[in-house]
């Protein structure tokens, strides 16, 4: 779908769900593996990788949850690119190619909270309790193809760019 049509579709969806159009939002297009950031007539596009297991909201499914979310926490400000995070805390280690682990959480974390009860919020399907993030990865060469265990992965320089401009509370649609 061309950018303008996609943006119109997203804005219509946000108005129907929220009752208003936020001045800043992120749209993650799973089919295209693209994240679109919109604020004050500025559009930025970043390639991403969503779950290798597909889409879904069930706990322990390792799938990327659909629907409307918001950024509830920004974690990692000021840390060096490649910083490895575990349980949302820096391990004090910086990733390098000799650390060959599957899809690490690197550099920055934008933690998501589902805003739609019964879809991505509530018992057994809660995005926040599932620890769904937008984050950097050590698998940058695979960005653009589904590789994650539910999160939305970005190249490390891209997550730094997004992290620096996005605000807590920003709406994130995943479709």
Protein backbone atom coordinates (compact mmCIF):
# COMPACT_ATOMS: atom_id res chain seq x y z
CA UNK A 1 0.00 0.00 0.00
CA UNK A 2 1.49 3.39 -0.95
CA UNK A 3 2.55 5.55 2.01
CA UNK A 4 -0.24 8.11 1.65
CA UNK A 5 -2.96 5.44 1.53
CA UNK A 6 -1.40 3.57 4.45
CA UNK A 7 -1.22 6.78 6.48
CA UNK A 8 -4.88 7.57 5.72
CA UNK A 9 -5.90 4.06 6.73
CA UNK A 10 -3.96 4.30 10.00
CA UNK A 11 -5.37 7.73 10.84
CA UNK A 12 -8.93 6.52 10.20
CA UNK A 13 -8.31 3.48 12.42
CA UNK A 14 -6.87 5.64 15.22
CA UNK A 15 -9.83 8.00 15.11
CA UNK A 16 -12.26 5.06 15.21
CA UNK A 17 -10.50 3.41 18.18
CA UNK A 18 -9.35 6.45 20.17
CA UNK A 19 -11.91 9.02 19.10
CA UNK A 20 -9.17 11.42 18.03
CA UNK A 21 -6.01 11.58 15.92
CA UNK A 22 -2.86 11.90 18.02
CA UNK A 23 -0.27 14.45 16.89
CA UNK A 24 2.41 11.76 17.09
CA UNK A 25 2.10 8.05 16.33
CA UNK A 26 3.97 4.98 15.15
CA UNK A 27 2.53 2.45 12.73
CA UNK A 28 4.11 -0.98 12.36
CA UNK A 29 3.14 -2.71 9.11
CA UNK A 30 3.79 -6.42 9.66
CA UNK A 31 3.35 -7.42 6.02
CA UNK A 32 5.86 -4.82 4.82
CA UNK A 33 8.12 -5.10 7.93
CA UNK A 34 8.19 -1.30 8.11
CA UNK A 35 7.75 1.13 11.00
CA UNK A 36 6.34 4.53 10.12
CA UNK A 37 6.77 7.42 12.56
CA UNK A 38 4.52 10.47 12.12
CA UNK A 39 4.68 13.78 13.95
CA UNK A 40 3.96 17.35 12.83
CA UNK A 41 3.79 16.44 9.13
CA UNK A 42 7.10 14.56 9.37
CA UNK A 43 7.17 10.95 8.26
CA UNK A 44 10.10 8.64 8.93
CA UNK A 45 10.31 5.03 7.76
CA UNK A 46 12.45 2.30 9.27
CA UNK A 47 12.74 -1.37 8.32
CA UNK A 48 11.87 -3.69 11.23
CA UNK A 49 11.53 -7.34 12.07
CA UNK A 50 8.52 -8.76 13.87
CA UNK A 51 7.93 -12.28 15.18
CA UNK A 52 9.11 -15.31 13.29
CA UNK A 53 6.03 -17.05 14.73
CA UNK A 54 3.55 -14.63 13.15
CA UNK A 55 0.96 -12.40 14.77
CA UNK A 56 -1.06 -13.11 17.87
CA UNK A 57 -1.73 -11.82 21.31
CA UNK A 58 -1.68 -14.96 23.48
CA UNK A 59 0.78 -15.15 26.34
CA UNK A 60 3.76 -17.46 25.63
CA UNK A 61 2.95 -17.52 21.90
CA UNK A 62 6.08 -15.54 20.97
CA UNK A 63 3.91 -13.77 18.38
CA UNK A 64 3.74 -10.04 17.71
CA UNK A 65 0.54 -8.60 19.18
CA UNK A 66 -1.79 -6.60 16.96
CA UNK A 67 -3.80 -3.50 17.79
CA UNK A 68 -3.30 -0.11 19.38
CA UNK A 69 -0.58 0.28 22.01
CA UNK A 70 1.29 3.13 23.63
CA UNK A 71 4.90 3.58 24.63
CA UNK A 72 4.83 3.28 28.38
CA UNK A 73 8.58 3.30 29.12
CA UNK A 74 11.75 4.48 27.39
CA UNK A 75 14.77 2.54 28.62
CA UNK A 76 18.44 2.95 27.77
CA UNK A 77 18.98 6.67 27.33
CA UNK A 78 22.68 7.50 27.23
CA UNK A 79 23.90 3.92 26.93
CA UNK A 80 26.39 3.02 24.22
CA UNK A 81 25.02 1.49 21.03
CA UNK A 82 25.14 -2.29 21.36
CA UNK A 83 24.56 -2.31 25.13
CA UNK A 84 22.99 -5.64 26.06
CA UNK A 85 19.85 -5.48 28.20
CA UNK A 86 18.32 -8.25 30.32
CA UNK A 87 15.07 -7.66 32.19
CA UNK A 88 15.20 -4.02 31.06
CA UNK A 89 18.54 -3.43 32.80
CA UNK A 90 21.98 -3.00 31.26
CA UNK A 91 24.20 -6.04 31.71
CA UNK A 92 27.24 -3.77 31.46
CA UNK A 93 28.27 -5.62 28.30
CA UNK A 94 28.46 -4.36 24.73
CA UNK A 95 27.57 -6.77 21.95
CA UNK A 96 30.31 -7.86 19.53
CA UNK A 97 30.23 -10.57 16.82
CA UNK A 98 31.85 -13.18 19.10
CA UNK A 99 28.70 -13.05 21.24
CA UNK A 100 26.60 -15.20 18.94
CA UNK A 101 23.28 -15.34 20.73
CA UNK A 102 19.86 -15.28 19.18
CA UNK A 103 18.26 -11.84 18.86
CA UNK A 104 19.54 -9.97 21.88
CA UNK A 105 17.84 -6.85 23.25
CA UNK A 106 20.30 -4.07 22.49
CA UNK A 107 20.83 -0.31 22.67
CA UNK A 108 17.34 1.09 23.56
CA UNK A 109 13.93 -0.26 24.61
CA UNK A 110 10.51 1.25 23.98
CA UNK A 111 8.12 -0.79 26.14
CA UNK A 112 4.59 -1.18 24.81
CA UNK A 113 1.29 -1.34 26.66
CA UNK A 114 -1.85 -2.59 24.90
CA UNK A 115 -4.78 -0.18 24.91
CA UNK A 116 -7.51 -2.52 23.71
CA UNK A 117 -9.08 -4.76 26.38
CA UNK A 118 -9.68 -8.24 25.00
CA UNK A 119 -7.25 -7.64 22.12
CA UNK A 120 -3.89 -6.73 23.65
CA UNK A 121 -4.79 -5.87 27.25
CA UNK A 122 -6.08 -8.24 29.90
CA UNK A 123 -5.60 -11.73 31.28
CA UNK A 124 -3.51 -13.98 29.02
CA UNK A 125 -3.08 -11.44 26.21
CA UNK A 126 -1.52 -8.38 27.84
CA UNK A 127 1.28 -6.83 25.75
CA UNK A 128 2.78 -5.09 28.78
CA UNK A 129 2.92 -8.29 30.83
CA UNK A 130 4.31 -10.13 27.80
CA UNK A 131 7.23 -7.63 27.75
CA UNK A 132 6.64 -6.53 24.17
CA UNK A 133 9.20 -3.92 23.10
CA UNK A 134 10.58 -2.03 20.17
CA UNK A 135 14.34 -2.56 20.55
CA UNK A 136 17.71 -2.83 18.86
CA UNK A 137 19.11 -6.21 17.84
CA UNK A 138 22.35 -8.02 17.09
CA UNK A 139 20.69 -9.54 14.00
CA UNK A 140 20.73 -6.34 11.93
CA UNK A 141 21.44 -8.28 8.72
CA UNK A 142 18.02 -9.95 9.10
CA UNK A 143 16.02 -6.75 9.62
CA UNK A 144 13.16 -6.76 7.14
CA UNK A 145 12.34 -10.42 7.74
CA UNK A 146 10.50 -11.83 10.76
CA UNK A 147 13.09 -12.89 13.39
CA UNK A 148 11.81 -11.93 16.82
CA UNK A 149 9.99 -13.70 19.62
CA UNK A 150 7.16 -11.13 19.65
CA UNK A 151 8.99 -7.81 19.82
CA UNK A 152 9.63 -5.31 17.05
CA UNK A 153 13.36 -5.24 16.27
CA UNK A 154 15.24 -2.36 14.66
CA UNK A 155 18.79 -1.61 13.58
CA UNK A 156 20.66 -0.03 16.47
CA UNK A 157 21.22 3.37 14.84
CA UNK A 158 17.53 3.44 13.88
CA UNK A 159 16.30 2.70 17.42
CA UNK A 160 18.55 5.49 18.74
CA UNK A 161 17.05 7.92 16.20
CA UNK A 162 13.50 6.89 17.07
CA UNK A 163 14.17 6.82 20.83
CA UNK A 164 15.55 10.36 20.75
CA UNK A 165 12.46 11.85 19.06
CA UNK A 166 9.54 9.78 20.34
CA UNK A 167 7.75 10.56 23.59
CA UNK A 168 6.37 8.29 26.30
CA UNK A 169 2.65 7.94 25.69
CA UNK A 170 3.05 7.86 21.91
CA UNK A 171 0.44 5.67 20.23
CA UNK A 172 1.72 2.60 18.35
CA UNK A 173 -0.47 0.65 15.95
CA UNK A 174 0.55 -2.84 14.88
CA UNK A 175 -1.30 -4.32 11.92
